[in-house]
């Protein structure tokens, strides 16, 4: 999406960032490498045998533990109902990207973003 690299290289550069996805790990890394984005994330967990699929919060909680992040200090940015459920199950705030997969219908996020440039407001 336009603006993603700008915000990752700018305001969010020093913030710990991780990706948790239901996509396979190897494909996720290939996509991030092709987009020249892999170096902007501190960790990536794709779908593999160690963690159940989202909306199970295990992978998110693991990431939080790895970085010593409390629920109060963690925001989950996502674009689907599964992401919203994952954040709720992990007990963390959800920021909804309204330009993603699902419409807002029934999703009650703490934040709504219409552009990646708005992610900096999480600071």
PDB file of N, CA and C in Angstrom:
ATOM      1  N   UNK A   1       0.833  -1.185   0.000  1.00  0.00           N
ATOM      2  CA  UNK A   1       0.000   0.000   0.000  1.00  0.00           C
ATOM      3  C   UNK A   1       0.879   1.250   0.000  1.00  0.00           C
ATOM      4  N   UNK A   2       0.462   2.278  -0.701  1.00  0.00           N
ATOM      5  CA  UNK A   2       1.239   3.521  -0.713  1.00  0.00           C
ATOM      6  C   UNK A   2       1.423   4.067   0.702  1.00  0.00           C
ATOM      7  N   UNK A   3       2.647   4.441   1.019  1.00  0.00           N
ATOM      8  CA  UNK A   3       2.940   5.032   2.320  1.00  0.00           C
ATOM      9  C   UNK A   3       3.515   4.077   3.340  1.00  0.00           C
ATOM     10  N   UNK A   4       3.435   2.779   3.099  1.00  0.00           N
ATOM     11  CA  UNK A   4       3.918   1.806   4.090  1.00  0.00           C
ATOM     12  C   UNK A   4       5.407   2.004   4.370  1.00  0.00           C
ATOM     13  N   UNK A   5       6.219   2.013   3.332  1.00  0.00           N
ATOM     14  CA  UNK A   5       7.661   2.166   3.552  1.00  0.00           C
ATOM     15  C   UNK A   5       7.988   3.502   4.194  1.00  0.00           C
ATOM     16  N   UNK A   6       7.296   4.537   3.797  1.00  0.00           N
ATOM     17  CA  UNK A   6       7.549   5.870   4.358  1.00  0.00           C
ATOM     18  C   UNK A   6       7.346   5.870   5.870  1.00  0.00           C
ATOM     19  N   UNK A   7       6.279   5.258   6.341  1.00  0.00           N
ATOM     20  CA  UNK A   7       6.009   5.253   7.780  1.00  0.00           C
ATOM     21  C   UNK A   7       6.918   4.271   8.516  1.00  0.00           C
ATOM     22  N   UNK A   8       7.273   3.157   7.884  1.00  0.00           N
ATOM     23  CA  UNK A   8       8.181   2.201   8.521  1.00  0.00           C
ATOM     24  C   UNK A   8       9.594   2.757   8.624  1.00  0.00           C
ATOM     25  N   UNK A   9      10.002   3.525   7.636  1.00  0.00           N
ATOM     26  CA  UNK A   9      11.345   4.111   7.644  1.00  0.00           C
ATOM     27  C   UNK A   9      11.407   5.414   8.423  1.00  0.00           C
ATOM     28  N   UNK A  10      10.250   5.973   8.732  1.00  0.00           N
ATOM     29  CA  UNK A  10      10.189   7.252   9.431  1.00  0.00           C
ATOM     30  C   UNK A  10       9.730   7.102  10.864  1.00  0.00           C
ATOM     31  N   UNK A  11       8.493   7.519  11.142  1.00  0.00           N
ATOM     32  CA  UNK A  11       8.011   7.589  12.527  1.00  0.00           C
ATOM     33  C   UNK A  11       8.063   6.267  13.299  1.00  0.00           C
ATOM     34  N   UNK A  12       7.829   5.146  12.615  1.00  0.00           N
ATOM     35  CA  UNK A  12       7.785   3.858  13.326  1.00  0.00           C
ATOM     36  C   UNK A  12       9.117   3.108  13.306  1.00  0.00           C
ATOM     37  N   UNK A  13      10.155   3.736  12.807  1.00  0.00           N
ATOM     38  CA  UNK A  13      11.449   3.056  12.657  1.00  0.00           C
ATOM     39  C   UNK A  13      11.945   2.440  13.964  1.00  0.00           C
ATOM     40  N   UNK A  14      11.832   3.166  15.067  1.00  0.00           N
ATOM     41  CA  UNK A  14      12.376   2.681  16.347  1.00  0.00           C
ATOM     42  C   UNK A  14      11.380   1.856  17.151  1.00  0.00           C
ATOM     43  N   UNK A  15      10.145   1.762  16.686  1.00  0.00           N
ATOM     44  CA  UNK A  15       9.130   0.979  17.375  1.00  0.00           C
ATOM     45  C   UNK A  15       9.321  -0.503  17.027  1.00  0.00           C
ATOM     46  N   UNK A  16       9.150  -1.382  17.999  1.00  0.00           N
ATOM     47  CA  UNK A  16       9.209  -2.814  17.735  1.00  0.00           C
ATOM     48  C   UNK A  16       7.999  -3.197  16.901  1.00  0.00           C
ATOM     49  N   UNK A  17       8.252  -3.895  15.804  1.00  0.00           N
ATOM     50  CA  UNK A  17       7.184  -4.286  14.892  1.00  0.00           C
ATOM     51  C   UNK A  17       7.333  -5.770  14.543  1.00  0.00           C
ATOM     52  N   UNK A  18       6.217  -6.464  14.510  1.00  0.00           N
ATOM     53  CA  UNK A  18       6.222  -7.878  14.165  1.00  0.00           C
ATOM     54  C   UNK A  18       5.025  -8.178  13.276  1.00  0.00           C
ATOM     55  N   UNK A  19       5.152  -9.238  12.523  1.00  0.00           N
ATOM     56  CA  UNK A  19       4.054  -9.705  11.673  1.00  0.00           C
ATOM     57  C   UNK A  19       3.629 -11.075  12.163  1.00  0.00           C
ATOM     58  N   UNK A  20       2.322 -11.243  12.322  1.00  0.00           N
ATOM     59  CA  UNK A  20       1.724 -12.546  12.613  1.00  0.00           C
ATOM     60  C   UNK A  20       0.699 -12.782  11.513  1.00  0.00           C
ATOM     61  N   UNK A  21       0.876 -13.858  10.761  1.00  0.00           N
ATOM     62  CA  UNK A  21       0.001 -14.117   9.625  1.00  0.00           C
ATOM     63  C   UNK A  21      -0.363 -15.593   9.541  1.00  0.00           C
ATOM     64  N   UNK A  22      -1.489 -15.859   8.909  1.00  0.00           N
ATOM     65  CA  UNK A  22      -1.885 -17.241   8.636  1.00  0.00           C
ATOM     66  C   UNK A  22      -1.313 -17.729   7.305  1.00  0.00           C
ATOM     67  N   UNK A  23      -0.569 -16.875   6.623  1.00  0.00           N
ATOM     68  CA  UNK A  23       0.097 -17.294   5.391  1.00  0.00           C
ATOM     69  C   UNK A  23       1.331 -18.123   5.763  1.00  0.00           C
ATOM     70  N   UNK A  24       1.746 -19.031   4.885  1.00  0.00           N
ATOM     71  CA  UNK A  24       2.944 -19.831   5.185  1.00  0.00           C
ATOM     72  C   UNK A  24       4.167 -18.938   5.408  1.00  0.00           C
ATOM     73  N   UNK A  25       5.010 -19.338   6.334  1.00  0.00           N
ATOM     74  CA  UNK A  25       6.207 -18.576   6.696  1.00  0.00           C
ATOM     75  C   UNK A  25       7.095 -18.280   5.484  1.00  0.00           C
ATOM     76  N   UNK A  26       7.391 -19.307   4.680  1.00  0.00           N
ATOM     77  CA  UNK A  26       8.305 -19.101   3.559  1.00  0.00           C
ATOM     78  C   UNK A  26       7.744 -18.138   2.522  1.00  0.00           C
ATOM     79  N   UNK A  27       6.463 -18.226   2.242  1.00  0.00           N
ATOM     80  CA  UNK A  27       5.846 -17.308   1.275  1.00  0.00           C
ATOM     81  C   UNK A  27       5.810 -15.888   1.838  1.00  0.00           C
ATOM     82  N   UNK A  28       5.525 -15.759   3.117  1.00  0.00           N
ATOM     83  CA  UNK A  28       5.514 -14.447   3.759  1.00  0.00           C
ATOM     84  C   UNK A  28       6.881 -13.785   3.639  1.00  0.00           C
ATOM     85  N   UNK A  29       7.937 -14.538   3.897  1.00  0.00           N
ATOM     86  CA  UNK A  29       9.286 -13.976   3.807  1.00  0.00           C
ATOM     87  C   UNK A  29       9.647 -13.618   2.365  1.00  0.00           C
ATOM     88  N   UNK A  30       9.212 -14.425   1.413  1.00  0.00           N
ATOM     89  CA  UNK A  30       9.465 -14.115   0.008  1.00  0.00           C
ATOM     90  C   UNK A  30       8.786 -12.800  -0.393  1.00  0.00           C
ATOM     91  N   UNK A  31       7.559 -12.616   0.064  1.00  0.00           N
ATOM     92  CA  UNK A  31       6.825 -11.379  -0.238  1.00  0.00           C
ATOM     93  C   UNK A  31       7.521 -10.184   0.398  1.00  0.00           C
ATOM     94  N   UNK A  32       7.872 -10.299   1.669  1.00  0.00           N
ATOM     95  CA  UNK A  32       8.550  -9.192   2.349  1.00  0.00           C
ATOM     96  C   UNK A  32       9.889  -8.866   1.681  1.00  0.00           C
ATOM     97  N   UNK A  33      10.641  -9.886   1.292  1.00  0.00           N
ATOM     98  CA  UNK A  33      11.915  -9.662   0.613  1.00  0.00           C
ATOM     99  C   UNK A  33      11.707  -8.973  -0.739  1.00  0.00           C
ATOM    100  N   UNK A  34      10.713  -9.432  -1.499  1.00  0.00           N
ATOM    101  CA  UNK A  34      10.443  -8.839  -2.810  1.00  0.00           C
ATOM    102  C   UNK A  34      10.030  -7.373  -2.692  1.00  0.00           C
ATOM    103  N   UNK A  35       9.338  -7.039  -1.609  1.00  0.00           N
ATOM    104  CA  UNK A  35       8.893  -5.659  -1.383  1.00  0.00           C
ATOM    105  C   UNK A  35       9.937  -4.832  -0.630  1.00  0.00           C
ATOM    106  N   UNK A  36      11.081  -5.453  -0.337  1.00  0.00           N
ATOM    107  CA  UNK A  36      12.166  -4.800   0.416  1.00  0.00           C
ATOM    108  C   UNK A  36      11.674  -4.295   1.777  1.00  0.00           C
ATOM    109  N   UNK A  37      10.885  -5.135   2.426  1.00  0.00           N
ATOM    110  CA  UNK A  37      10.307  -4.770   3.716  1.00  0.00           C
ATOM    111  C   UNK A  37      10.757  -5.653   4.864  1.00  0.00           C
ATOM    112  N   UNK A  38      11.447  -6.756   4.591  1.00  0.00           N
ATOM    113  CA  UNK A  38      11.770  -7.698   5.662  1.00  0.00           C
ATOM    114  C   UNK A  38      12.622  -7.073   6.759  1.00  0.00           C
ATOM    115  N   UNK A  39      13.480  -6.138   6.427  1.00  0.00           N
ATOM    116  CA  UNK A  39      14.334  -5.504   7.423  1.00  0.00           C
ATOM    117  C   UNK A  39      13.616  -4.526   8.336  1.00  0.00           C
ATOM    118  N   UNK A  40      12.357  -4.271   8.077  1.00  0.00           N
ATOM    119  CA  UNK A  40      11.597  -3.320   8.885  1.00  0.00           C
ATOM    120  C   UNK A  40      10.836  -3.980  10.032  1.00  0.00           C
ATOM    121  N   UNK A  41      10.930  -5.302  10.128  1.00  0.00           N
ATOM    122  CA  UNK A  41      10.197  -6.025  11.172  1.00  0.00           C
ATOM    123  C   UNK A  41      11.176  -6.798  12.044  1.00  0.00           C
ATOM    124  N   UNK A  42      10.915  -6.767  13.332  1.00  0.00           N
ATOM    125  CA  UNK A  42      11.787  -7.425  14.294  1.00  0.00           C
ATOM    126  C   UNK A  42      11.574  -8.934  14.321  1.00  0.00           C
ATOM    127  N   UNK A  43      10.397  -9.367  13.914  1.00  0.00           N
ATOM    128  CA  UNK A  43      10.093 -10.797  13.870  1.00  0.00           C
ATOM    129  C   UNK A  43       8.885 -11.023  12.970  1.00  0.00           C
ATOM    130  N   UNK A  44       8.822 -12.231  12.421  1.00  0.00           N
ATOM    131  CA  UNK A  44       7.699 -12.622  11.572  1.00  0.00           C
ATOM    132  C   UNK A  44       7.316 -14.051  11.938  1.00  0.00           C
ATOM    133  N   UNK A  45       6.039 -14.256  12.206  1.00  0.00           N
ATOM    134  CA  UNK A  45       5.531 -15.613  12.432  1.00  0.00           C
ATOM    135  C   UNK A  45       4.468 -15.874  11.384  1.00  0.00           C
ATOM    136  N   UNK A  46       4.776 -16.814  10.496  1.00  0.00           N
ATOM    137  CA  UNK A  46       3.807 -17.288   9.529  1.00  0.00           C
ATOM    138  C   UNK A  46       3.216 -18.593  10.026  1.00  0.00           C
ATOM    139  N   UNK A  47       2.298 -19.111   9.277  1.00  0.00           N
ATOM    140  CA  UNK A  47       1.644 -20.350   9.658  1.00  0.00           C
ATOM    141  C   UNK A  47       2.661 -21.495   9.606  1.00  0.00           C
ATOM    142  N   UNK A  48       2.832 -22.147  10.735  1.00  0.00           N
ATOM    143  CA  UNK A  48       3.666 -23.346  10.787  1.00  0.00           C
ATOM    144  C   UNK A  48       3.250 -24.167  11.988  1.00  0.00           C
ATOM    145  N   UNK A  49       3.845 -25.298  12.157  1.00  0.00           N
ATOM    146  CA  UNK A  49       3.395 -26.269  13.150  1.00  0.00           C
ATOM    147  C   UNK A  49       3.435 -25.765  14.591  1.00  0.00           C
ATOM    148  N   UNK A  50       4.231 -24.758  14.883  1.00  0.00           N
ATOM    149  CA  UNK A  50       4.386 -24.334  16.264  1.00  0.00           C
ATOM    150  C   UNK A  50       3.231 -23.543  16.850  1.00  0.00           C
ATOM    151  N   UNK A  51       2.388 -22.965  16.012  1.00  0.00           N
ATOM    152  CA  UNK A  51       1.309 -22.104  16.512  1.00  0.00           C
ATOM    153  C   UNK A  51       0.021 -22.395  15.772  1.00  0.00           C
ATOM    154  N   UNK A  52      -1.099 -22.372  16.497  1.00  0.00           N
ATOM    155  CA  UNK A  52      -2.388 -22.517  15.819  1.00  0.00           C
ATOM    156  C   UNK A  52      -2.690 -21.261  15.002  1.00  0.00           C
ATOM    157  N   UNK A  53      -3.557 -21.391  14.028  1.00  0.00           N
ATOM    158  CA  UNK A  53      -3.935 -20.264  13.175  1.00  0.00           C
ATOM    159  C   UNK A  53      -4.686 -19.200  13.970  1.00  0.00           C
ATOM    160  N   UNK A  54      -4.561 -17.962  13.506  1.00  0.00           N
ATOM    161  CA  UNK A  54      -5.377 -16.886  14.065  1.00  0.00           C
ATOM    162  C   UNK A  54      -6.840 -17.248  13.783  1.00  0.00           C
ATOM    163  N   UNK A  55      -7.745 -16.971  14.649  1.00  0.00           N
ATOM    164  CA  UNK A  55      -7.711 -15.988  15.721  1.00  0.00           C
ATOM    165  C   UNK A  55      -7.182 -16.489  17.064  1.00  0.00           C
ATOM    166  N   UNK A  56      -6.603 -17.687  17.098  1.00  0.00           N
ATOM    167  CA  UNK A  56      -5.943 -18.117  18.325  1.00  0.00           C
ATOM    168  C   UNK A  56      -4.835 -17.112  18.634  1.00  0.00           C
ATOM    169  N   UNK A  57      -4.736 -16.632  19.867  1.00  0.00           N
ATOM    170  CA  UNK A  57      -3.775 -15.577  20.194  1.00  0.00           C
ATOM    171  C   UNK A  57      -2.365 -16.065  20.536  1.00  0.00           C
ATOM    172  N   UNK A  58      -2.107 -17.350  20.434  1.00  0.00           N
ATOM    173  CA  UNK A  58      -0.817 -17.902  20.880  1.00  0.00           C
ATOM    174  C   UNK A  58       0.386 -17.221  20.228  1.00  0.00           C
ATOM    175  N   UNK A  59       0.346 -17.030  18.928  1.00  0.00           N
ATOM    176  CA  UNK A  59       1.491 -16.435  18.244  1.00  0.00           C
ATOM    177  C   UNK A  59       1.673 -14.971  18.636  1.00  0.00           C
ATOM    178  N   UNK A  60       0.577 -14.246  18.828  1.00  0.00           N
ATOM    179  CA  UNK A  60       0.666 -12.847  19.256  1.00  0.00           C
ATOM    180  C   UNK A  60       1.230 -12.778  20.674  1.00  0.00           C
ATOM    181  N   UNK A  61       0.752 -13.634  21.548  1.00  0.00           N
ATOM    182  CA  UNK A  61       1.265 -13.643  22.926  1.00  0.00           C
ATOM    183  C   UNK A  61       2.737 -14.037  22.968  1.00  0.00           C
ATOM    184  N   UNK A  62       3.131 -14.968  22.101  1.00  0.00           N
ATOM    185  CA  UNK A  62       4.541 -15.333  22.026  1.00  0.00           C
ATOM    186  C   UNK A  62       5.383 -14.122  21.643  1.00  0.00           C
ATOM    187  N   UNK A  63       4.946 -13.397  20.622  1.00  0.00           N
ATOM    188  CA  UNK A  63       5.674 -12.192  20.192  1.00  0.00           C
ATOM    189  C   UNK A  63       5.769 -11.182  21.322  1.00  0.00           C
ATOM    190  N   UNK A  64       4.676 -10.952  22.002  1.00  0.00           N
ATOM    191  CA  UNK A  64       4.675 -10.003  23.109  1.00  0.00           C
ATOM    192  C   UNK A  64       5.697 -10.425  24.164  1.00  0.00           C
ATOM    193  N   UNK A  65       5.734 -11.706  24.471  1.00  0.00           N
ATOM    194  CA  UNK A  65       6.696 -12.216  25.450  1.00  0.00           C
ATOM    195  C   UNK A  65       8.134 -12.054  24.993  1.00  0.00           C
ATOM    196  N   UNK A  66       8.378 -12.287  23.709  1.00  0.00           N
ATOM    197  CA  UNK A  66       9.726 -12.147  23.163  1.00  0.00           C
ATOM    198  C   UNK A  66      10.271 -10.734  23.308  1.00  0.00           C
ATOM    199  N   UNK A  67       9.367  -9.763  23.208  1.00  0.00           N
ATOM    200  CA  UNK A  67       9.789  -8.366  23.248  1.00  0.00           C
ATOM    201  C   UNK A  67       9.457  -7.682  24.566  1.00  0.00           C
ATOM    202  N   UNK A  68       8.957  -8.450  25.537  1.00  0.00           N
ATOM    203  CA  UNK A  68       8.625  -7.875  26.835  1.00  0.00           C
ATOM    204  C   UNK A  68       7.529  -6.828  26.754  1.00  0.00           C
ATOM    205  N   UNK A  69       6.600  -7.015  25.835  1.00  0.00           N
ATOM    206  CA  UNK A  69       5.526  -6.041  25.617  1.00  0.00           C
ATOM    207  C   UNK A  69       4.297  -6.406  26.439  1.00  0.00           C
ATOM    208  N   UNK A  70       3.771  -5.437  27.142  1.00  0.00           N
ATOM    209  CA  UNK A  70       2.523  -5.640  27.883  1.00  0.00           C
ATOM    210  C   UNK A  70       1.344  -5.439  26.937  1.00  0.00           C
ATOM    211  N   UNK A  71       0.181  -5.869  27.375  1.00  0.00           N
ATOM    212  CA  UNK A  71      -1.028  -5.661  26.573  1.00  0.00           C
ATOM    213  C   UNK A  71      -1.289  -4.173  26.359  1.00  0.00           C
ATOM    214  N   UNK A  72      -0.986  -3.362  27.360  1.00  0.00           N
ATOM    215  CA  UNK A  72      -1.206  -1.918  27.256  1.00  0.00           C
ATOM    216  C   UNK A  72      -0.269  -1.268  26.245  1.00  0.00           C
ATOM    217  N   UNK A  73       0.870  -1.885  25.997  1.00  0.00           N
ATOM    218  CA  UNK A  73       1.863  -1.324  25.086  1.00  0.00           C
ATOM    219  C   UNK A  73       1.810  -1.946  23.692  1.00  0.00           C
ATOM    220  N   UNK A  74       0.801  -2.758  23.435  1.00  0.00           N
ATOM    221  CA  UNK A  74       0.736  -3.485  22.167  1.00  0.00           C
ATOM    222  C   UNK A  74      -0.525  -3.105  21.404  1.00  0.00           C
ATOM    223  N   UNK A  75      -0.353  -2.788  20.131  1.00  0.00           N
ATOM    224  CA  UNK A  75      -1.467  -2.533  19.225  1.00  0.00           C
ATOM    225  C   UNK A  75      -1.368  -3.520  18.076  1.00  0.00           C
ATOM    226  N   UNK A  76      -2.497  -4.023  17.655  1.00  0.00           N
ATOM    227  CA  UNK A  76      -2.561  -4.967  16.549  1.00  0.00           C
ATOM    228  C   UNK A  76      -3.195  -4.232  15.376  1.00  0.00           C
ATOM    229  N   UNK A  77      -2.455  -4.064  14.299  1.00  0.00           N
ATOM    230  CA  UNK A  77      -2.984  -3.438  13.097  1.00  0.00           C
ATOM    231  C   UNK A  77      -3.386  -4.546  12.139  1.00  0.00           C
ATOM    232  N   UNK A  78      -4.637  -4.525  11.692  1.00  0.00           N
ATOM    233  CA  UNK A  78      -5.110  -5.563  10.789  1.00  0.00           C
ATOM    234  C   UNK A  78      -6.225  -5.089   9.891  1.00  0.00           C
ATOM    235  N   UNK A  79      -6.580  -5.957   8.946  1.00  0.00           N
ATOM    236  CA  UNK A  79      -7.578  -5.573   7.953  1.00  0.00           C
ATOM    237  C   UNK A  79      -8.686  -6.597   7.782  1.00  0.00           C
ATOM    238  N   UNK A  80      -8.915  -7.401   8.809  1.00  0.00           N
ATOM    239  CA  UNK A  80      -9.938  -8.440   8.679  1.00  0.00           C
ATOM    240  C   UNK A  80     -10.603  -8.727  10.020  1.00  0.00           C
ATOM    241  N   UNK A  81     -11.730  -9.429   9.935  1.00  0.00           N
ATOM    242  CA  UNK A  81     -12.426  -9.844  11.160  1.00  0.00           C
ATOM    243  C   UNK A  81     -11.566 -10.812  11.965  1.00  0.00           C
ATOM    244  N   UNK A  82     -10.818 -11.639  11.275  1.00  0.00           N
ATOM    245  CA  UNK A  82      -9.931 -12.577  11.984  1.00  0.00           C
ATOM    246  C   UNK A  82      -8.893 -11.800  12.776  1.00  0.00           C
ATOM    247  N   UNK A  83      -8.353 -10.723  12.203  1.00  0.00           N
ATOM    248  CA  UNK A  83      -7.392  -9.895  12.933  1.00  0.00           C
ATOM    249  C   UNK A  83      -8.052  -9.277  14.159  1.00  0.00           C
ATOM    250  N   UNK A  84      -9.277  -8.785  14.003  1.00  0.00           N
ATOM    251  CA  UNK A  84      -9.995  -8.187  15.129  1.00  0.00           C
ATOM    252  C   UNK A  84     -10.207  -9.216  16.242  1.00  0.00           C
ATOM    253  N   UNK A  85     -10.593 -10.427  15.864  1.00  0.00           N
ATOM    254  CA  UNK A  85     -10.792 -11.489  16.856  1.00  0.00           C
ATOM    255  C   UNK A  85      -9.476 -11.882  17.521  1.00  0.00           C
ATOM    256  N   UNK A  86      -8.413 -11.906  16.749  1.00  0.00           N
ATOM    257  CA  UNK A  86      -7.099 -12.251  17.299  1.00  0.00           C
ATOM    258  C   UNK A  86      -6.684 -11.234  18.356  1.00  0.00           C
ATOM    259  N   UNK A  87      -6.834  -9.953  18.040  1.00  0.00           N
ATOM    260  CA  UNK A  87      -6.493  -8.896  19.001  1.00  0.00           C
ATOM    261  C   UNK A  87      -7.347  -9.025  20.256  1.00  0.00           C
ATOM    262  N   UNK A  88      -8.636  -9.241  20.076  1.00  0.00           N
ATOM    263  CA  UNK A  88      -9.536  -9.392  21.234  1.00  0.00           C
ATOM    264  C   UNK A  88      -9.114 -10.589  22.074  1.00  0.00           C
ATOM    265  N   UNK A  89      -8.819 -11.708  21.425  1.00  0.00           N
ATOM    266  CA  UNK A  89      -8.415 -12.919  22.147  1.00  0.00           C
ATOM    267  C   UNK A  89      -7.084 -12.727  22.888  1.00  0.00           C
ATOM    268  N   UNK A  90      -6.230 -11.857  22.356  1.00  0.00           N
ATOM    269  CA  UNK A  90      -4.939 -11.581  23.000  1.00  0.00           C
ATOM    270  C   UNK A  90      -5.056 -10.473  24.046  1.00  0.00           C
ATOM    271  N   UNK A  91      -6.214  -9.813  24.113  1.00  0.00           N
ATOM    272  CA  UNK A  91      -6.425  -8.755  25.105  1.00  0.00           C
ATOM    273  C   UNK A  91      -5.687  -7.465  24.776  1.00  0.00           C
ATOM    274  N   UNK A  92      -5.549  -7.168  23.465  1.00  0.00           N
ATOM    275  CA  UNK A  92      -4.838  -5.955  23.057  1.00  0.00           C
ATOM    276  C   UNK A  92      -5.729  -5.100  22.160  1.00  0.00           C
ATOM    277  N   UNK A  93      -5.353  -3.827  22.023  1.00  0.00           N
ATOM    278  CA  UNK A  93      -6.105  -2.910  21.177  1.00  0.00           C
ATOM    279  C   UNK A  93      -5.961  -3.277  19.710  1.00  0.00           C
ATOM    280  N   UNK A  94      -7.033  -3.022  18.962  1.00  0.00           N
ATOM    281  CA  UNK A  94      -7.065  -3.322  17.543  1.00  0.00           C
ATOM    282  C   UNK A  94      -7.196  -2.038  16.744  1.00  0.00           C
ATOM    283  N   UNK A  95      -6.361  -1.907  15.725  1.00  0.00           N
ATOM    284  CA  UNK A  95      -6.428  -0.797  14.779  1.00  0.00           C
ATOM    285  C   UNK A  95      -6.829  -1.378  13.429  1.00  0.00           C
ATOM    286  N   UNK A  96      -7.963  -0.942  12.924  1.00  0.00           N
ATOM    287  CA  UNK A  96      -8.521  -1.499  11.688  1.00  0.00           C
ATOM    288  C   UNK A  96      -8.107  -0.682  10.478  1.00  0.00           C
ATOM    289  N   UNK A  97      -7.577  -1.351   9.466  1.00  0.00           N
ATOM    290  CA  UNK A  97      -7.246  -0.713   8.195  1.00  0.00           C
ATOM    291  C   UNK A  97      -8.463  -0.867   7.290  1.00  0.00           C
ATOM    292  N   UNK A  98      -9.157   0.240   7.044  1.00  0.00           N
ATOM    293  CA  UNK A  98     -10.399   0.141   6.280  1.00  0.00           C
ATOM    294  C   UNK A  98     -10.181  -0.031   4.779  1.00  0.00           C
ATOM    295  N   UNK A  99      -8.940  -0.163   4.367  1.00  0.00           N
ATOM    296  CA  UNK A  99      -8.619  -0.382   2.962  1.00  0.00           C
ATOM    297  C   UNK A  99      -8.178  -1.825   2.723  1.00  0.00           C
ATOM    298  N   UNK A 100      -8.495  -2.707   3.653  1.00  0.00           N
ATOM    299  CA  UNK A 100      -8.056  -4.096   3.559  1.00  0.00           C
ATOM    300  C   UNK A 100      -9.132  -5.040   3.084  1.00  0.00           C
ATOM    301  N   UNK A 101      -9.131  -6.245   3.646  1.00  0.00           N
ATOM    302  CA  UNK A 101      -9.998  -7.323   3.194  1.00  0.00           C
ATOM    303  C   UNK A 101     -11.468  -7.160   3.550  1.00  0.00           C
ATOM    304  N   UNK A 102     -11.754  -6.823   4.778  1.00  0.00           N
ATOM    305  CA  UNK A 102     -13.132  -6.824   5.269  1.00  0.00           C
ATOM    306  C   UNK A 102     -13.668  -5.413   5.477  1.00  0.00           C
ATOM    307  N   UNK A 103     -14.983  -5.256   5.349  1.00  0.00           N
ATOM    308  CA  UNK A 103     -15.591  -3.976   5.733  1.00  0.00           C
ATOM    309  C   UNK A 103     -15.657  -3.879   7.249  1.00  0.00           C
ATOM    310  N   UNK A 104     -15.934  -2.704   7.747  1.00  0.00           N
ATOM    311  CA  UNK A 104     -15.963  -2.461   9.188  1.00  0.00           C
ATOM    312  C   UNK A 104     -17.160  -3.104   9.879  1.00  0.00           C
ATOM    313  N   UNK A 105     -18.145  -3.556   9.146  1.00  0.00           N
ATOM    314  CA  UNK A 105     -19.374  -4.120   9.709  1.00  0.00           C
ATOM    315  C   UNK A 105     -19.099  -5.049  10.882  1.00  0.00           C
ATOM    316  N   UNK A 106     -19.555  -4.661  12.053  1.00  0.00           N
ATOM    317  CA  UNK A 106     -19.434  -5.493  13.236  1.00  0.00           C
ATOM    318  C   UNK A 106     -18.084  -5.453  13.917  1.00  0.00           C
ATOM    319  N   UNK A 107     -17.113  -4.789  13.345  1.00  0.00           N
ATOM    320  CA  UNK A 107     -15.789  -4.685  13.946  1.00  0.00           C
ATOM    321  C   UNK A 107     -15.743  -3.397  14.758  1.00  0.00           C
ATOM    322  N   UNK A 108     -15.302  -3.501  16.015  1.00  0.00           N
ATOM    323  CA  UNK A 108     -15.237  -2.335  16.890  1.00  0.00           C
ATOM    324  C   UNK A 108     -13.786  -2.069  17.292  1.00  0.00           C
ATOM    325  N   UNK A 109     -13.031  -1.427  16.395  1.00  0.00           N
ATOM    326  CA  UNK A 109     -11.622  -1.165  16.678  1.00  0.00           C
ATOM    327  C   UNK A 109     -11.433   0.052  17.572  1.00  0.00           C
ATOM    328  N   UNK A 110     -10.277   0.143  18.173  1.00  0.00           N
ATOM    329  CA  UNK A 110      -9.932   1.352  18.923  1.00  0.00           C
ATOM    330  C   UNK A 110      -9.548   2.473  17.955  1.00  0.00           C
ATOM    331  N   UNK A 111      -8.902   2.089  16.852  1.00  0.00           N
ATOM    332  CA  UNK A 111      -8.477   3.043  15.832  1.00  0.00           C
ATOM    333  C   UNK A 111      -8.979   2.570  14.470  1.00  0.00           C
ATOM    334  N   UNK A 112      -9.220   3.509  13.567  1.00  0.00           N
ATOM    335  CA  UNK A 112      -9.531   3.196  12.175  1.00  0.00           C
ATOM    336  C   UNK A 112      -8.553   3.981  11.318  1.00  0.00           C
ATOM    337  N   UNK A 113      -7.842   3.265  10.448  1.00  0.00           N
ATOM    338  CA  UNK A 113      -6.868   3.897   9.567  1.00  0.00           C
ATOM    339  C   UNK A 113      -7.316   3.767   8.115  1.00  0.00           C
ATOM    340  N   UNK A 114      -7.221   4.854   7.383  1.00  0.00           N
ATOM    341  CA  UNK A 114      -7.518   4.855   5.953  1.00  0.00           C
ATOM    342  C   UNK A 114      -6.248   4.929   5.116  1.00  0.00           C
ATOM    343  N   UNK A 115      -5.104   4.992   5.794  1.00  0.00           N
ATOM    344  CA  UNK A 115      -3.803   5.053   5.123  1.00  0.00           C
ATOM    345  C   UNK A 115      -2.730   4.586   6.101  1.00  0.00           C
ATOM    346  N   UNK A 116      -1.700   3.906   5.608  1.00  0.00           N
ATOM    347  CA  UNK A 116      -0.594   3.532   6.494  1.00  0.00           C
ATOM    348  C   UNK A 116       0.064   4.747   7.149  1.00  0.00           C
ATOM    349  N   UNK A 117      -0.004   5.892   6.513  1.00  0.00           N
ATOM    350  CA  UNK A 117       0.599   7.096   7.090  1.00  0.00           C
ATOM    351  C   UNK A 117      -0.020   7.442   8.443  1.00  0.00           C
ATOM    352  N   UNK A 118      -1.232   6.987   8.686  1.00  0.00           N
ATOM    353  CA  UNK A 118      -1.903   7.250   9.964  1.00  0.00           C
ATOM    354  C   UNK A 118      -1.386   6.356  11.084  1.00  0.00           C
ATOM    355  N   UNK A 119      -0.640   5.303  10.759  1.00  0.00           N
ATOM    356  CA  UNK A 119      -0.118   4.416  11.801  1.00  0.00           C
ATOM    357  C   UNK A 119       0.729   5.157  12.805  1.00  0.00           C
ATOM    358  N   UNK A 120       1.379   6.223  12.394  1.00  0.00           N
ATOM    359  CA  UNK A 120       2.252   6.985  13.299  1.00  0.00           C
ATOM    360  C   UNK A 120       1.480   7.541  14.482  1.00  0.00           C
ATOM    361  N   UNK A 121       0.169   7.650  14.370  1.00  0.00           N
ATOM    362  CA  UNK A 121      -0.631   8.157  15.500  1.00  0.00           C
ATOM    363  C   UNK A 121      -0.594   7.204  16.682  1.00  0.00           C
ATOM    364  N   UNK A 122      -0.156   5.971  16.488  1.00  0.00           N
ATOM    365  CA  UNK A 122      -0.044   5.019  17.582  1.00  0.00           C
ATOM    366  C   UNK A 122       1.064   5.413  18.548  1.00  0.00           C
ATOM    367  N   UNK A 123       1.997   6.241  18.091  1.00  0.00           N
ATOM    368  CA  UNK A 123       3.081   6.675  18.960  1.00  0.00           C
ATOM    369  C   UNK A 123       2.530   7.553  20.059  1.00  0.00           C
TER     370      UNK A 123
END
